[in-house]
Each structure stands twice: as C-alpha cells, then as structure tokens.
Amino acid sequence: MTGKLKVGSIAPNFSFLTPWSEEKNVFYNLAEGKTKVIFFLRYYGCLICQLDIKTLRDQIALFKEKNIEVFLVIQSYRETISNNTQVEDWPFHIVCDPDSHIYKKYLVKAGNVIQFMHPAGLLKLIKALSKGHKHGKFEGKETQLPAVFGINSKNEIIYAHYGKHISDIPNNSTIINSIA
C-alpha cells in the first residue's frame, strides 16, 4: 500500500497488548459503536512526544465530554511504559508498536532530516525542555512523522491528518470539532 488513507476509507483493525496485561485487545472491539481518535507519535522518551502526551492527558476531558475514545500509538516497548509509569497515568488507550506494524497499516511513514529539524519541531523541543521534560530511552525511528485519525462508529475514517514534520499534530479542539 502506498499513499495515505483518506476520509471515507475503512480504518484498519489491529490487535495489541497493553503494557500491563497479556490479554490481547482488538481495536474495533474496544470502541465498538463509538467515535474514536488515534494519535500516532514517536516514542515515550521523545521530548516532543512527552509534551504532546501531557497535553493529551490534561485535555482528555474534552474528548470524554463528546464520548470519543482515545488511542495513542507509540513506537516504545511495553516494558518501557510499564517500568516508568502506572496504568493510572494513562486516561486513554496506550498502544505500543515498536515494530511499526500499526503505523504501516495506517500508512504513517518516517520523514527525512529536514522534517526532523523543522523549526516548529525545534521550538516544541525547547518548550518541552523549559517545562522540565527529560529525554528518555531512544526507541523507534527518530524521523517518524506523527498522524491523527478520527474514526466514526462504523469504523470509517472521518478525519485524517498526516504530519509534515515531527511536531505537526493539530490541537485537540481542532480534532474534536472535526469529528464530533
């Protein structure tokens, strides 16, 4: 598959284990009949991702008010998450995909050095550092680009955003207004 998933496409289904359980979860089953949003970020140790994850945690009520189920896909290993956080730290579904199988299903690709060094990414990096975030374990692809998908109750993509650089994700209000 090449290109990008488009609005109107059926969202690919996938299964995953959480960092704290050996029970296999199936995406379609976890949010059956609900609107959902999937965020694709890089990995847990990434400073920019830490800032995005904190923002998502802080604003999760905006999604819950609209009954939107939230999934976060990152390229970290389950052990990285379970060794550094508690299940209570995650008010949304955390999906560890260190081998990028789900990224491939959603056609979320890595970028290049120019997209990695984009000025907006550098500004977000400085912001993360100024808020006290510290870089953690390197995992996944450093040049991985982000993406966000809104999916309706019939598993159709109703919103698709592929990042143009490493910090290019829409703000949560924009996402919610596009899918709710």
C-alpha atoms as a PDB file:
ATOM      1  CA  MET A   1       0.000   0.000   0.000  1.00  0.00           C
ATOM      2  CA  THR A   2       1.270   3.461  -0.812  1.00  0.00           C
ATOM      3  CA  GLY A   3      -0.084   6.946  -0.327  1.00  0.00           C
ATOM      4  CA  LYS A   4      -2.350   7.917   2.524  1.00  0.00           C
ATOM      5  CA  LEU A   5      -5.607   6.730   3.998  1.00  0.00           C
ATOM      6  CA  LYS A   6      -8.392   9.106   3.089  1.00  0.00           C
ATOM      7  CA  VAL A   7     -11.639  10.232   4.642  1.00  0.00           C
ATOM      8  CA  GLY A   8     -14.259   7.596   3.801  1.00  0.00           C
ATOM      9  CA  SER A   9     -11.801   4.688   3.974  1.00  0.00           C
ATOM     10  CA  ILE A  10     -12.380   1.924   6.500  1.00  0.00           C
ATOM     11  CA  ALA A  11      -9.896   2.238   9.359  1.00  0.00           C
ATOM     12  CA  PRO A  12      -7.622  -0.795   9.582  1.00  0.00           C
ATOM     13  CA  ASN A  13      -8.308  -3.015  12.571  1.00  0.00           C
ATOM     14  CA  PHE A  14      -5.448  -4.174  14.782  1.00  0.00           C
ATOM     15  CA  SER A  15      -4.799  -6.074  17.983  1.00  0.00           C
ATOM     16  CA  PHE A  16      -2.385  -5.174  20.763  1.00  0.00           C
ATOM     17  CA  LEU A  17      -1.305  -5.918  24.307  1.00  0.00           C
ATOM     18  CA  THR A  18      -1.294  -3.155  26.875  1.00  0.00           C
ATOM     19  CA  PRO A  19       1.907  -2.528  28.834  1.00  0.00           C
ATOM     20  CA  TRP A  20       0.267  -4.080  31.935  1.00  0.00           C
ATOM     21  CA  SER A  21      -1.664  -7.060  30.581  1.00  0.00           C
ATOM     22  CA  GLU A  22      -1.146 -10.153  28.463  1.00  0.00           C
ATOM     23  CA  GLU A  23      -4.761 -10.003  27.306  1.00  0.00           C
ATOM     24  CA  LYS A  24      -4.980  -9.198  23.606  1.00  0.00           C
ATOM     25  CA  ASN A  25      -7.135  -6.177  22.781  1.00  0.00           C
ATOM     26  CA  VAL A  26      -8.824  -5.644  19.423  1.00  0.00           C
ATOM     27  CA  PHE A  27      -9.213  -2.031  18.338  1.00  0.00           C
ATOM     28  CA  TYR A  28     -12.685  -2.429  16.827  1.00  0.00           C
ATOM     29  CA  ASN A  29     -13.957  -4.225  19.956  1.00  0.00           C
ATOM     30  CA  LEU A  30     -12.629  -1.691  22.470  1.00  0.00           C
ATOM     31  CA  ALA A  31     -14.506   1.204  20.947  1.00  0.00           C
ATOM     32  CA  GLU A  32     -17.404  -0.592  19.303  1.00  0.00           C
ATOM     33  CA  GLY A  33     -20.149   1.829  18.325  1.00  0.00           C
ATOM     34  CA  LYS A  34     -18.125   4.867  19.411  1.00  0.00           C
ATOM     35  CA  THR A  35     -16.281   7.652  17.691  1.00  0.00           C
ATOM     36  CA  LYS A  36     -12.561   7.269  18.253  1.00  0.00           C
ATOM     37  CA  VAL A  37      -9.339   9.115  17.594  1.00  0.00           C
ATOM     38  CA  ILE A  38      -5.916   7.571  17.103  1.00  0.00           C
ATOM     39  CA  PHE A  39      -2.766   9.598  17.674  1.00  0.00           C
ATOM     40  CA  PHE A  40       0.469   8.288  16.176  1.00  0.00           C
ATOM     41  CA  LEU A  41       3.537   9.758  17.896  1.00  0.00           C
ATOM     42  CA  ARG A  42       7.153   8.655  18.031  1.00  0.00           C
ATOM     43  CA  TYR A  43       8.127   7.063  21.359  1.00  0.00           C
ATOM     44  CA  TYR A  44       7.797   7.671  25.095  1.00  0.00           C
ATOM     45  CA  GLY A  45      11.337   9.022  25.619  1.00  0.00           C
ATOM     46  CA  CYS A  46      10.948  11.684  22.912  1.00  0.00           C
ATOM     47  CA  LEU A  47      10.723  15.175  24.441  1.00  0.00           C
ATOM     48  CA  ILE A  48       8.219  16.411  21.863  1.00  0.00           C
ATOM     49  CA  CYS A  49       6.065  13.331  22.438  1.00  0.00           C
ATOM     50  CA  GLN A  50       6.222  13.791  26.210  1.00  0.00           C
ATOM     51  CA  LEU A  51       4.840  17.299  25.745  1.00  0.00           C
ATOM     52  CA  ASP A  52       2.092  16.033  23.398  1.00  0.00           C
ATOM     53  CA  ILE A  53       1.208  13.200  25.797  1.00  0.00           C
ATOM     54  CA  LYS A  54       0.965  15.634  28.718  1.00  0.00           C
ATOM     55  CA  THR A  55      -1.300  17.910  26.675  1.00  0.00           C
ATOM     56  CA  LEU A  56      -3.487  14.941  25.759  1.00  0.00           C
ATOM     57  CA  ARG A  57      -3.687  13.866  29.422  1.00  0.00           C
ATOM     58  CA  ASP A  58      -4.517  17.411  30.522  1.00  0.00           C
ATOM     59  CA  GLN A  59      -7.242  17.748  27.883  1.00  0.00           C
ATOM     60  CA  ILE A  60      -8.700  14.232  27.928  1.00  0.00           C
ATOM     61  CA  ALA A  61     -11.947  15.598  29.421  1.00  0.00           C
ATOM     62  CA  LEU A  62     -12.609  17.402  26.117  1.00  0.00           C
ATOM     63  CA  PHE A  63     -12.718  14.023  24.359  1.00  0.00           C
ATOM     64  CA  LYS A  64     -14.714  12.318  27.117  1.00  0.00           C
ATOM     65  CA  GLU A  65     -17.342  15.087  27.043  1.00  0.00           C
ATOM     66  CA  LYS A  66     -18.001  14.141  23.402  1.00  0.00           C
ATOM     67  CA  ASN A  67     -17.814  10.378  24.142  1.00  0.00           C
ATOM     68  CA  ILE A  68     -14.712   9.991  21.956  1.00  0.00           C
ATOM     69  CA  GLU A  69     -12.477   7.025  22.726  1.00  0.00           C
ATOM     70  CA  VAL A  70      -8.768   7.949  22.527  1.00  0.00           C
ATOM     71  CA  PHE A  71      -5.890   5.711  21.433  1.00  0.00           C
ATOM     72  CA  LEU A  72      -2.212   6.639  21.439  1.00  0.00           C
ATOM     73  CA  VAL A  73       0.139   4.560  19.283  1.00  0.00           C
ATOM     74  CA  ILE A  74       3.855   4.919  20.026  1.00  0.00           C
ATOM     75  CA  GLN A  75       6.985   3.047  18.966  1.00  0.00           C
ATOM     76  CA  SER A  76       8.005   2.182  22.520  1.00  0.00           C
ATOM     77  CA  TYR A  77       8.228  -1.288  24.005  1.00  0.00           C
ATOM     78  CA  ARG A  78       5.583  -2.291  26.528  1.00  0.00           C
ATOM     79  CA  GLU A  79       8.301  -2.688  29.160  1.00  0.00           C
ATOM     80  CA  THR A  80       9.417   0.921  28.709  1.00  0.00           C
ATOM     81  CA  ILE A  81       5.928   2.090  29.611  1.00  0.00           C
ATOM     82  CA  SER A  82       5.247  -0.405  32.416  1.00  0.00           C
ATOM     83  CA  ASN A  83       8.666   0.218  34.025  1.00  0.00           C
ATOM     84  CA  ASN A  84       8.278   4.014  34.013  1.00  0.00           C
ATOM     85  CA  THR A  85       4.556   4.642  34.529  1.00  0.00           C
ATOM     86  CA  GLN A  86       1.438   3.205  36.140  1.00  0.00           C
ATOM     87  CA  VAL A  87      -1.760   2.203  34.381  1.00  0.00           C
ATOM     88  CA  GLU A  88      -3.495   5.090  36.195  1.00  0.00           C
ATOM     89  CA  ASP A  89      -1.192   7.544  34.384  1.00  0.00           C
ATOM     90  CA  TRP A  90      -2.952   6.771  31.105  1.00  0.00           C
ATOM     91  CA  PRO A  91      -6.546   8.063  30.850  1.00  0.00           C
ATOM     92  CA  PHE A  92      -6.667   6.691  27.293  1.00  0.00           C
ATOM     93  CA  HIS A  93      -5.592   3.527  25.477  1.00  0.00           C
ATOM     94  CA  ILE A  94      -1.829   3.215  25.087  1.00  0.00           C
ATOM     95  CA  VAL A  95      -0.725   1.049  22.157  1.00  0.00           C
ATOM     96  CA  CYS A  96       2.944   0.073  21.973  1.00  0.00           C
ATOM     97  CA  ASP A  97       4.067  -0.672  18.421  1.00  0.00           C
ATOM     98  CA  PRO A  98       7.880  -0.855  18.443  1.00  0.00           C
ATOM     99  CA  ASP A  99       7.970  -2.695  15.112  1.00  0.00           C
ATOM    100  CA  SER A 100       5.628  -0.170  13.429  1.00  0.00           C
ATOM    101  CA  HIS A 101       3.066  -2.740  12.295  1.00  0.00           C
ATOM    102  CA  ILE A 102       0.144  -0.408  13.023  1.00  0.00           C
ATOM    103  CA  TYR A 103       1.993   2.590  11.567  1.00  0.00           C
ATOM    104  CA  LYS A 104       2.299   0.589   8.338  1.00  0.00           C
ATOM    105  CA  LYS A 105      -1.414  -0.321   8.330  1.00  0.00           C
ATOM    106  CA  TYR A 106      -2.259   3.380   8.601  1.00  0.00           C
ATOM    107  CA  LEU A 107       0.475   4.385   6.140  1.00  0.00           C
ATOM    108  CA  VAL A 108       2.188   6.620   8.710  1.00  0.00           C
ATOM    109  CA  LYS A 109       5.732   6.985   7.446  1.00  0.00           C
ATOM    110  CA  ALA A 110       9.020   8.279   8.774  1.00  0.00           C
ATOM    111  CA  GLY A 111      10.253  11.562   7.385  1.00  0.00           C
ATOM    112  CA  ASN A 112      13.665  12.885   6.500  1.00  0.00           C
ATOM    113  CA  VAL A 113      16.285  15.030   8.225  1.00  0.00           C
ATOM    114  CA  ILE A 114      14.680  18.287   7.055  1.00  0.00           C
ATOM    115  CA  GLN A 115      11.319  17.250   8.561  1.00  0.00           C
ATOM    116  CA  PHE A 116      13.147  16.181  11.727  1.00  0.00           C
ATOM    117  CA  MET A 117      14.972  19.513  12.051  1.00  0.00           C
ATOM    118  CA  HIS A 118      11.940  21.652  11.156  1.00  0.00           C
ATOM    119  CA  PRO A 119      11.888  24.968  13.102  1.00  0.00           C
ATOM    120  CA  ALA A 120       8.473  24.177  14.625  1.00  0.00           C
ATOM    121  CA  GLY A 121       9.891  20.929  15.993  1.00  0.00           C
ATOM    122  CA  LEU A 122      12.885  22.727  17.459  1.00  0.00           C
ATOM    123  CA  LEU A 123      10.598  25.284  19.133  1.00  0.00           C
ATOM    124  CA  LYS A 124       8.480  22.496  20.611  1.00  0.00           C
ATOM    125  CA  LEU A 125      11.660  20.789  21.823  1.00  0.00           C
ATOM    126  CA  ILE A 126      12.711  23.978  23.628  1.00  0.00           C
ATOM    127  CA  LYS A 127       9.230  24.256  25.156  1.00  0.00           C
ATOM    128  CA  ALA A 128       9.441  20.647  26.402  1.00  0.00           C
ATOM    129  CA  LEU A 129      12.855  21.289  27.957  1.00  0.00           C
ATOM    130  CA  SER A 130      11.622  24.502  29.593  1.00  0.00           C
ATOM    131  CA  LYS A 131       8.768  22.531  31.198  1.00  0.00           C
ATOM    132  CA  GLY A 132      11.245  20.106  32.736  1.00  0.00           C
ATOM    133  CA  HIS A 133      10.895  17.131  30.397  1.00  0.00           C
ATOM    134  CA  LYS A 134      13.998  14.978  30.038  1.00  0.00           C
ATOM    135  CA  HIS A 135      14.822  12.737  27.102  1.00  0.00           C
ATOM    136  CA  GLY A 136      14.373   9.059  27.816  1.00  0.00           C
ATOM    137  CA  LYS A 137      15.256   5.845  26.042  1.00  0.00           C
ATOM    138  CA  PHE A 138      15.617   6.072  22.263  1.00  0.00           C
ATOM    139  CA  GLU A 139      13.154   3.736  20.549  1.00  0.00           C
ATOM    140  CA  GLY A 140      11.581   3.556  17.127  1.00  0.00           C
ATOM    141  CA  LYS A 141      12.502   5.849  14.275  1.00  0.00           C
ATOM    142  CA  GLU A 142      13.854   9.290  15.125  1.00  0.00           C
ATOM    143  CA  THR A 143      12.382  10.742  11.946  1.00  0.00           C
ATOM    144  CA  GLN A 144       8.932   9.181  12.454  1.00  0.00           C
ATOM    145  CA  LEU A 145       6.198  11.624  11.491  1.00  0.00           C
ATOM    146  CA  PRO A 146       3.010  11.932  13.559  1.00  0.00           C
ATOM    147  CA  ALA A 147      -0.548  11.394  12.370  1.00  0.00           C
ATOM    148  CA  VAL A 148      -4.073  11.661  13.758  1.00  0.00           C
ATOM    149  CA  PHE A 149      -7.199   9.834  12.579  1.00  0.00           C
ATOM    150  CA  GLY A 150     -10.809  10.368  13.595  1.00  0.00           C
ATOM    151  CA  ILE A 151     -12.970   7.293  13.091  1.00  0.00           C
ATOM    152  CA  ASN A 152     -16.753   7.045  13.347  1.00  0.00           C
ATOM    153  CA  SER A 153     -18.860   4.296  14.922  1.00  0.00           C
ATOM    154  CA  LYS A 154     -18.868   2.391  11.607  1.00  0.00           C
ATOM    155  CA  ASN A 155     -15.023   2.374  11.583  1.00  0.00           C
ATOM    156  CA  GLU A 156     -14.883   4.840   8.686  1.00  0.00           C
ATOM    157  CA  ILE A 157     -12.159   7.463   8.720  1.00  0.00           C
ATOM    158  CA  ILE A 158     -13.809  10.864   9.127  1.00  0.00           C
ATOM    159  CA  TYR A 159     -10.630  12.861   9.778  1.00  0.00           C
ATOM    160  CA  ALA A 160      -7.062  12.226   8.643  1.00  0.00           C
ATOM    161  CA  HIS A 161      -4.002  14.331   9.360  1.00  0.00           C
ATOM    162  CA  TYR A 162      -0.521  13.217   8.338  1.00  0.00           C
ATOM    163  CA  GLY A 163       2.179  15.348   9.934  1.00  0.00           C
ATOM    164  CA  LYS A 164       4.530  17.261   7.645  1.00  0.00           C
ATOM    165  CA  HIS A 165       7.258  17.462  10.330  1.00  0.00           C
ATOM    166  CA  ILE A 166       7.933  15.775  13.685  1.00  0.00           C
ATOM    167  CA  SER A 167       5.774  18.102  15.776  1.00  0.00           C
ATOM    168  CA  ASP A 168       2.904  18.577  13.321  1.00  0.00           C
ATOM    169  CA  ILE A 169      -0.256  17.476  15.091  1.00  0.00           C
ATOM    170  CA  PRO A 170      -3.408  19.583  15.246  1.00  0.00           C
ATOM    171  CA  ASN A 171      -4.554  20.917  18.590  1.00  0.00           C
ATOM    172  CA  ASN A 172      -7.160  18.820  20.363  1.00  0.00           C
ATOM    173  CA  SER A 173     -10.002  21.316  19.847  1.00  0.00           C
ATOM    174  CA  THR A 174      -9.450  21.204  16.087  1.00  0.00           C
ATOM    175  CA  ILE A 175      -9.548  17.408  16.137  1.00  0.00           C
ATOM    176  CA  ILE A 176     -12.687  17.256  18.278  1.00  0.00           C
ATOM    177  CA  ASN A 177     -14.503  19.874  16.188  1.00  0.00           C
ATOM    178  CA  SER A 178     -13.664  17.874  13.061  1.00  0.00           C
ATOM    179  CA  ILE A 179     -15.039  14.567  14.321  1.00  0.00           C
ATOM    180  CA  ALA A 180     -17.722  15.248  16.960  1.00  0.00           C
END
